[in-house]
Amino acid sequence: MWRTITLWAALGFGLAACEPVGLSGPPAPTVRLMGDVVVASPDGYCVDPVVTRPWQGFALLAACAAMTADETDVYPNAIALMTVQVGAASSAVVTGQEEDFRAFLETPQGAALLSASAIGGPIAVRQTASAANAVAVYTEDVGPPGVVGTQPEAWRLFTDIKGRLVTVSVRGLSDVPLSRAGSRALLDQMLSLLRAGNPVAGLGT
């Protein structure tokens, strides 16, 4: 089930199935994207070595227990599919414009932009929030899910790290959906880990 979901996620992000895998070896808790941005996983999560593409700035994080043959591995209490996408050099746009960015996401144009970049296609914006170097948006798919087996609601975060725009998404599974607060807690963990692994992230540089 999980492998099917992760492969659909890879297709949804436009990653060609014919490309070589991004990583080798067993799932690991961290990865360096674009050679510069360190991404660490919350407890119980690992970087999926099959669909992650470090030099394309893309990482998929999933429960470690779902990617190993060890039946003693324990699943985290909150199970989600998480992605990290790191933009090109000088793509940072959040710092100093947090409130404008948040307000834009609440407009029809903002929702259209989010829909164009979402796995599931058209979405409705349900909540937005902003803080220093961070803008978050909670969305709901208004059509069939682009990744079979996932719930329609998802949190997405935008932040600047080392001069690059970084986008993080958190989406629960349809069988064990996450509450809005539960998925937001995972999103906040990811932001904290990104800032810890990339100390200048809080300055947007």
C-alpha atoms as a PDB file:
ATOM      1  CA  MET A   1       0.000   0.000   0.000  1.00  0.00           C
ATOM      2  CA  TRP A   2       2.652   2.507   1.038  1.00  0.00           C
ATOM      3  CA  ARG A   3       4.910   1.763  -1.922  1.00  0.00           C
ATOM      4  CA  THR A   4       1.992   2.368  -4.267  1.00  0.00           C
ATOM      5  CA  ILE A   5       1.336   5.717  -2.609  1.00  0.00           C
ATOM      6  CA  THR A   6       4.960   6.823  -2.803  1.00  0.00           C
ATOM      7  CA  LEU A   7       5.223   5.914  -6.470  1.00  0.00           C
ATOM      8  CA  TRP A   8       2.059   7.855  -7.243  1.00  0.00           C
ATOM      9  CA  ALA A   9       3.582  10.790  -5.379  1.00  0.00           C
ATOM     10  CA  ALA A  10       6.665  10.598  -7.565  1.00  0.00           C
ATOM     11  CA  LEU A  11       4.530  10.695 -10.694  1.00  0.00           C
ATOM     12  CA  GLY A  12       2.496  13.546  -9.273  1.00  0.00           C
ATOM     13  CA  PHE A  13       5.623  15.643  -8.872  1.00  0.00           C
ATOM     14  CA  GLY A  14       6.661  15.024 -12.446  1.00  0.00           C
ATOM     15  CA  LEU A  15       9.542  12.660 -11.721  1.00  0.00           C
ATOM     16  CA  ALA A  16      10.185  10.349 -14.647  1.00  0.00           C
ATOM     17  CA  ALA A  17      10.005   6.666 -13.773  1.00  0.00           C
ATOM     18  CA  CYS A  18      12.884   5.952 -16.146  1.00  0.00           C
ATOM     19  CA  GLU A  19      15.320   8.079 -14.160  1.00  0.00           C
ATOM     20  CA  PRO A  20      17.836   6.378 -11.867  1.00  0.00           C
ATOM     21  CA  VAL A  21      16.927   6.266  -8.206  1.00  0.00           C
ATOM     22  CA  GLY A  22      18.058   9.270  -6.199  1.00  0.00           C
ATOM     23  CA  LEU A  23      19.662   7.423  -3.313  1.00  0.00           C
ATOM     24  CA  SER A  24      21.191   4.025  -2.701  1.00  0.00           C
ATOM     25  CA  GLY A  25      21.060   1.770   0.322  1.00  0.00           C
ATOM     26  CA  PRO A  26      18.425   1.566   3.069  1.00  0.00           C
ATOM     27  CA  PRO A  27      16.188   4.470   4.088  1.00  0.00           C
ATOM     28  CA  ALA A  28      18.096   7.173   5.962  1.00  0.00           C
ATOM     29  CA  PRO A  29      16.869   9.864   8.380  1.00  0.00           C
ATOM     30  CA  THR A  30      18.532  12.764   6.527  1.00  0.00           C
ATOM     31  CA  VAL A  31      19.364  13.920   3.013  1.00  0.00           C
ATOM     32  CA  ARG A  32      21.107  16.934   1.484  1.00  0.00           C
ATOM     33  CA  LEU A  33      19.126  18.529  -1.355  1.00  0.00           C
ATOM     34  CA  MET A  34      20.716  20.582  -4.121  1.00  0.00           C
ATOM     35  CA  GLY A  35      24.004  19.792  -2.389  1.00  0.00           C
ATOM     36  CA  ASP A  36      23.326  22.450   0.225  1.00  0.00           C
ATOM     37  CA  VAL A  37      20.025  22.146   2.123  1.00  0.00           C
ATOM     38  CA  VAL A  38      19.936  19.555   4.907  1.00  0.00           C
ATOM     39  CA  VAL A  39      16.585  17.814   5.401  1.00  0.00           C
ATOM     40  CA  ALA A  40      16.112  15.726   8.553  1.00  0.00           C
ATOM     41  CA  SER A  41      13.131  13.514   9.320  1.00  0.00           C
ATOM     42  CA  PRO A  42      10.954  13.558  12.453  1.00  0.00           C
ATOM     43  CA  ASP A  43      11.220  10.539  14.754  1.00  0.00           C
ATOM     44  CA  GLY A  44       9.921   7.421  13.037  1.00  0.00           C
ATOM     45  CA  TYR A  45      10.351   8.849   9.539  1.00  0.00           C
ATOM     46  CA  CYS A  46      12.997   8.241   6.872  1.00  0.00           C
ATOM     47  CA  VAL A  47      13.854   9.600   3.453  1.00  0.00           C
ATOM     48  CA  ASP A  48      12.427   7.336   0.752  1.00  0.00           C
ATOM     49  CA  PRO A  49      15.464   6.198  -1.290  1.00  0.00           C
ATOM     50  CA  VAL A  50      13.391   5.218  -4.340  1.00  0.00           C
ATOM     51  CA  VAL A  51      11.729   8.485  -5.333  1.00  0.00           C
ATOM     52  CA  THR A  52      13.923  11.110  -3.650  1.00  0.00           C
ATOM     53  CA  ARG A  53      15.977  13.161  -6.108  1.00  0.00           C
ATOM     54  CA  PRO A  54      18.670  15.107  -4.189  1.00  0.00           C
ATOM     55  CA  TRP A  55      19.970  17.072  -7.184  1.00  0.00           C
ATOM     56  CA  GLN A  56      16.454  17.964  -8.287  1.00  0.00           C
ATOM     57  CA  GLY A  57      15.797  19.280  -4.794  1.00  0.00           C
ATOM     58  CA  PHE A  58      13.045  16.769  -4.032  1.00  0.00           C
ATOM     59  CA  ALA A  59      12.657  14.430  -1.047  1.00  0.00           C
ATOM     60  CA  LEU A  60       9.835  12.160   0.031  1.00  0.00           C
ATOM     61  CA  LEU A  61       9.609  11.277   3.734  1.00  0.00           C
ATOM     62  CA  ALA A  62       7.615   8.295   4.961  1.00  0.00           C
ATOM     63  CA  ALA A  63       7.409   6.018   7.994  1.00  0.00           C
ATOM     64  CA  CYS A  64      10.660   4.047   8.261  1.00  0.00           C
ATOM     65  CA  ALA A  65       8.673   0.924   9.190  1.00  0.00           C
ATOM     66  CA  ALA A  66       6.882   1.039   5.838  1.00  0.00           C
ATOM     67  CA  MET A  67      10.165   0.903   3.931  1.00  0.00           C
ATOM     68  CA  THR A  68      11.993  -1.902   5.710  1.00  0.00           C
ATOM     69  CA  ALA A  69      11.521  -5.651   6.061  1.00  0.00           C
ATOM     70  CA  ASP A  70      12.001  -5.493   9.825  1.00  0.00           C
ATOM     71  CA  GLU A  71       8.664  -6.389  11.397  1.00  0.00           C
ATOM     72  CA  THR A  72       9.870  -5.057  14.755  1.00  0.00           C
ATOM     73  CA  ASP A  73      10.015  -1.485  13.432  1.00  0.00           C
ATOM     74  CA  VAL A  74       7.378   0.728  15.044  1.00  0.00           C
ATOM     75  CA  TYR A  75       5.247   3.175  13.086  1.00  0.00           C
ATOM     76  CA  PRO A  76       5.073   6.770  14.352  1.00  0.00           C
ATOM     77  CA  ASN A  77       1.895   7.807  16.110  1.00  0.00           C
ATOM     78  CA  ALA A  78       1.022  10.218  13.303  1.00  0.00           C
ATOM     79  CA  ILE A  79       1.446   8.677   9.849  1.00  0.00           C
ATOM     80  CA  ALA A  80       1.784  10.971   6.853  1.00  0.00           C
ATOM     81  CA  LEU A  81       3.336  11.391   3.474  1.00  0.00           C
ATOM     82  CA  MET A  82       5.707  14.384   3.572  1.00  0.00           C
ATOM     83  CA  THR A  83       7.563  16.066   0.740  1.00  0.00           C
ATOM     84  CA  VAL A  84      10.274  18.707   0.588  1.00  0.00           C
ATOM     85  CA  GLN A  85      11.020  20.671  -2.579  1.00  0.00           C
ATOM     86  CA  VAL A  86      14.019  23.021  -2.703  1.00  0.00           C
ATOM     87  CA  GLY A  87      13.992  25.719  -5.358  1.00  0.00           C
ATOM     88  CA  ALA A  88      16.758  27.110  -7.491  1.00  0.00           C
ATOM     89  CA  ALA A  89      19.426  29.481  -6.200  1.00  0.00           C
ATOM     90  CA  SER A  90      18.053  32.984  -5.472  1.00  0.00           C
ATOM     91  CA  SER A  91      14.439  31.726  -5.500  1.00  0.00           C
ATOM     92  CA  ALA A  92      13.774  32.906  -1.898  1.00  0.00           C
ATOM     93  CA  VAL A  93      10.614  35.026  -1.706  1.00  0.00           C
ATOM     94  CA  VAL A  94       9.197  34.634   1.812  1.00  0.00           C
ATOM     95  CA  THR A  95      11.342  36.702   4.182  1.00  0.00           C
ATOM     96  CA  GLY A  96      10.057  40.257   4.526  1.00  0.00           C
ATOM     97  CA  GLN A  97       6.905  39.465   2.552  1.00  0.00           C
ATOM     98  CA  GLU A  98       5.259  36.941   4.855  1.00  0.00           C
ATOM     99  CA  GLU A  99       1.951  38.760   5.326  1.00  0.00           C
ATOM    100  CA  ASP A 100       1.612  39.675   1.637  1.00  0.00           C
ATOM    101  CA  PHE A 101       2.378  36.078   0.671  1.00  0.00           C
ATOM    102  CA  ARG A 102      -0.202  34.750   3.141  1.00  0.00           C
ATOM    103  CA  ALA A 103      -2.860  37.192   1.909  1.00  0.00           C
ATOM    104  CA  PHE A 104      -2.149  36.264  -1.717  1.00  0.00           C
ATOM    105  CA  LEU A 105      -2.740  32.571  -0.999  1.00  0.00           C
ATOM    106  CA  GLU A 106      -6.265  33.441   0.159  1.00  0.00           C
ATOM    107  CA  THR A 107      -7.148  35.000  -3.208  1.00  0.00           C
ATOM    108  CA  PRO A 108      -8.537  33.090  -6.211  1.00  0.00           C
ATOM    109  CA  GLN A 109      -5.195  33.661  -7.933  1.00  0.00           C
ATOM    110  CA  GLY A 110      -3.344  32.169  -4.967  1.00  0.00           C
ATOM    111  CA  ALA A 111      -5.609  29.123  -4.898  1.00  0.00           C
ATOM    112  CA  ALA A 112      -5.071  28.675  -8.641  1.00  0.00           C
ATOM    113  CA  LEU A 113      -1.304  28.774  -8.165  1.00  0.00           C
ATOM    114  CA  LEU A 114      -1.513  26.195  -5.383  1.00  0.00           C
ATOM    115  CA  SER A 115      -3.768  24.012  -7.522  1.00  0.00           C
ATOM    116  CA  ALA A 116      -1.330  24.111 -10.416  1.00  0.00           C
ATOM    117  CA  SER A 117       1.477  22.841  -8.188  1.00  0.00           C
ATOM    118  CA  ALA A 118      -0.563  20.330  -6.169  1.00  0.00           C
ATOM    119  CA  ILE A 119      -0.570  16.585  -6.666  1.00  0.00           C
ATOM    120  CA  GLY A 120      -4.355  16.422  -6.586  1.00  0.00           C
ATOM    121  CA  GLY A 121      -5.125  19.336  -8.892  1.00  0.00           C
ATOM    122  CA  PRO A 122      -7.782  21.935  -7.901  1.00  0.00           C
ATOM    123  CA  ILE A 123      -7.865  22.778  -4.209  1.00  0.00           C
ATOM    124  CA  ALA A 124      -9.731  25.043  -1.804  1.00  0.00           C
ATOM    125  CA  VAL A 125      -7.832  27.099   0.759  1.00  0.00           C
ATOM    126  CA  ARG A 126      -9.160  26.455   4.277  1.00  0.00           C
ATOM    127  CA  GLN A 127      -6.636  28.269   6.485  1.00  0.00           C
ATOM    128  CA  THR A 128      -3.450  30.324   6.233  1.00  0.00           C
ATOM    129  CA  ALA A 129      -0.871  31.444   8.768  1.00  0.00           C
ATOM    130  CA  SER A 130       2.356  33.420   8.737  1.00  0.00           C
ATOM    131  CA  ALA A 131       5.368  33.959  10.985  1.00  0.00           C
ATOM    132  CA  ALA A 132       8.951  35.102  10.503  1.00  0.00           C
ATOM    133  CA  ASN A 133      10.257  33.429   7.328  1.00  0.00           C
ATOM    134  CA  ALA A 134       7.293  31.029   7.199  1.00  0.00           C
ATOM    135  CA  VAL A 135       3.917  30.949   5.470  1.00  0.00           C
ATOM    136  CA  ALA A 136       1.609  27.960   5.904  1.00  0.00           C
ATOM    137  CA  VAL A 137      -1.592  27.058   4.086  1.00  0.00           C
ATOM    138  CA  TYR A 138      -4.120  24.292   4.760  1.00  0.00           C
ATOM    139  CA  THR A 139      -5.910  23.063   1.651  1.00  0.00           C
ATOM    140  CA  GLU A 140      -8.555  20.552   0.661  1.00  0.00           C
ATOM    141  CA  ASP A 141      -8.766  18.787  -2.703  1.00  0.00           C
ATOM    142  CA  VAL A 142     -11.988  19.568  -4.542  1.00  0.00           C
ATOM    143  CA  GLY A 143     -11.542  16.660  -6.943  1.00  0.00           C
ATOM    144  CA  PRO A 144     -10.287  13.081  -6.756  1.00  0.00           C
ATOM    145  CA  PRO A 145      -6.984  12.746  -4.871  1.00  0.00           C
ATOM    146  CA  GLY A 146      -3.906  12.724  -7.077  1.00  0.00           C
ATOM    147  CA  VAL A 147      -2.246  10.192  -4.778  1.00  0.00           C
ATOM    148  CA  VAL A 148      -4.470   7.176  -4.198  1.00  0.00           C
ATOM    149  CA  GLY A 149      -4.823   6.349  -0.511  1.00  0.00           C
ATOM    150  CA  THR A 150      -4.227   9.847   0.839  1.00  0.00           C
ATOM    151  CA  GLN A 151      -6.705  12.202   2.477  1.00  0.00           C
ATOM    152  CA  PRO A 152      -7.864  15.342   0.641  1.00  0.00           C
ATOM    153  CA  GLU A 153      -6.578  17.776   3.278  1.00  0.00           C
ATOM    154  CA  ALA A 154      -2.936  18.852   3.471  1.00  0.00           C
ATOM    155  CA  TRP A 155      -0.703  21.487   5.020  1.00  0.00           C
ATOM    156  CA  ARG A 156       1.932  23.239   2.942  1.00  0.00           C
ATOM    157  CA  LEU A 157       4.755  25.448   4.209  1.00  0.00           C
ATOM    158  CA  PHE A 158       6.888  28.002   2.385  1.00  0.00           C
ATOM    159  CA  THR A 159      10.184  29.204   3.860  1.00  0.00           C
ATOM    160  CA  ASP A 160      13.529  30.578   2.653  1.00  0.00           C
ATOM    161  CA  ILE A 161      16.705  28.615   3.294  1.00  0.00           C
ATOM    162  CA  LYS A 162      20.132  29.671   2.046  1.00  0.00           C
ATOM    163  CA  GLY A 163      18.641  31.885  -0.612  1.00  0.00           C
ATOM    164  CA  ARG A 164      16.274  29.180  -1.883  1.00  0.00           C
ATOM    165  CA  LEU A 165      12.497  28.816  -1.575  1.00  0.00           C
ATOM    166  CA  VAL A 166      11.693  25.572   0.236  1.00  0.00           C
ATOM    167  CA  THR A 167       8.219  24.023   0.180  1.00  0.00           C
ATOM    168  CA  VAL A 168       7.140  21.330   2.643  1.00  0.00           C
ATOM    169  CA  SER A 169       3.885  19.393   2.424  1.00  0.00           C
ATOM    170  CA  VAL A 170       2.213  17.075   4.933  1.00  0.00           C
ATOM    171  CA  ARG A 171      -0.679  14.818   3.904  1.00  0.00           C
ATOM    172  CA  GLY A 172      -2.250  12.002   5.917  1.00  0.00           C
ATOM    173  CA  LEU A 173      -3.604   8.679   4.676  1.00  0.00           C
ATOM    174  CA  SER A 174      -7.270   8.034   3.963  1.00  0.00           C
ATOM    175  CA  ASP A 175      -7.259   4.944   6.212  1.00  0.00           C
ATOM    176  CA  VAL A 176      -5.763   6.858   9.160  1.00  0.00           C
ATOM    177  CA  PRO A 177      -6.386  10.538   8.387  1.00  0.00           C
ATOM    178  CA  LEU A 178      -4.666  13.250  10.352  1.00  0.00           C
ATOM    179  CA  SER A 179      -6.548  16.066  12.015  1.00  0.00           C
ATOM    180  CA  ARG A 180      -5.724  19.614  10.994  1.00  0.00           C
ATOM    181  CA  ALA A 181      -3.835  20.064  14.266  1.00  0.00           C
ATOM    182  CA  GLY A 182      -2.050  16.732  13.916  1.00  0.00           C
ATOM    183  CA  SER A 183      -0.741  17.457  10.436  1.00  0.00           C
ATOM    184  CA  ARG A 184       0.198  21.002  11.482  1.00  0.00           C
ATOM    185  CA  ALA A 185       2.280  19.566  14.327  1.00  0.00           C
ATOM    186  CA  LEU A 186       4.267  17.521  11.807  1.00  0.00           C
ATOM    187  CA  LEU A 187       4.685  20.584   9.600  1.00  0.00           C
ATOM    188  CA  ASP A 188       6.032  22.559  12.568  1.00  0.00           C
ATOM    189  CA  GLN A 189       8.457  19.731  13.358  1.00  0.00           C
ATOM    190  CA  MET A 190       9.737  19.827   9.795  1.00  0.00           C
ATOM    191  CA  LEU A 191      10.274  23.587   9.990  1.00  0.00           C
ATOM    192  CA  SER A 192      12.176  23.239  13.270  1.00  0.00           C
ATOM    193  CA  LEU A 193      14.357  20.487  11.803  1.00  0.00           C
ATOM    194  CA  LEU A 194      15.075  22.542   8.700  1.00  0.00           C
ATOM    195  CA  ARG A 195      16.130  25.514  10.787  1.00  0.00           C
ATOM    196  CA  ALA A 196      18.288  23.347  13.044  1.00  0.00           C
ATOM    197  CA  GLY A 197      19.994  21.696  10.087  1.00  0.00           C
ATOM    198  CA  ASN A 198      20.450  24.970   8.223  1.00  0.00           C
ATOM    199  CA  PRO A 199      21.149  27.577  10.934  1.00  0.00           C
ATOM    200  CA  VAL A 200      20.929  30.623   8.683  1.00  0.00           C
ATOM    201  CA  ALA A 201      17.393  29.654   7.580  1.00  0.00           C
ATOM    202  CA  GLY A 202      15.853  31.874  10.246  1.00  0.00           C
ATOM    203  CA  LEU A 203      17.551  34.837   8.593  1.00  0.00           C
ATOM    204  CA  GLY A 204      16.356  33.855   5.133  1.00  0.00           C
ATOM    205  CA  THR A 205      19.855  33.770   3.709  1.00  0.00           C
END
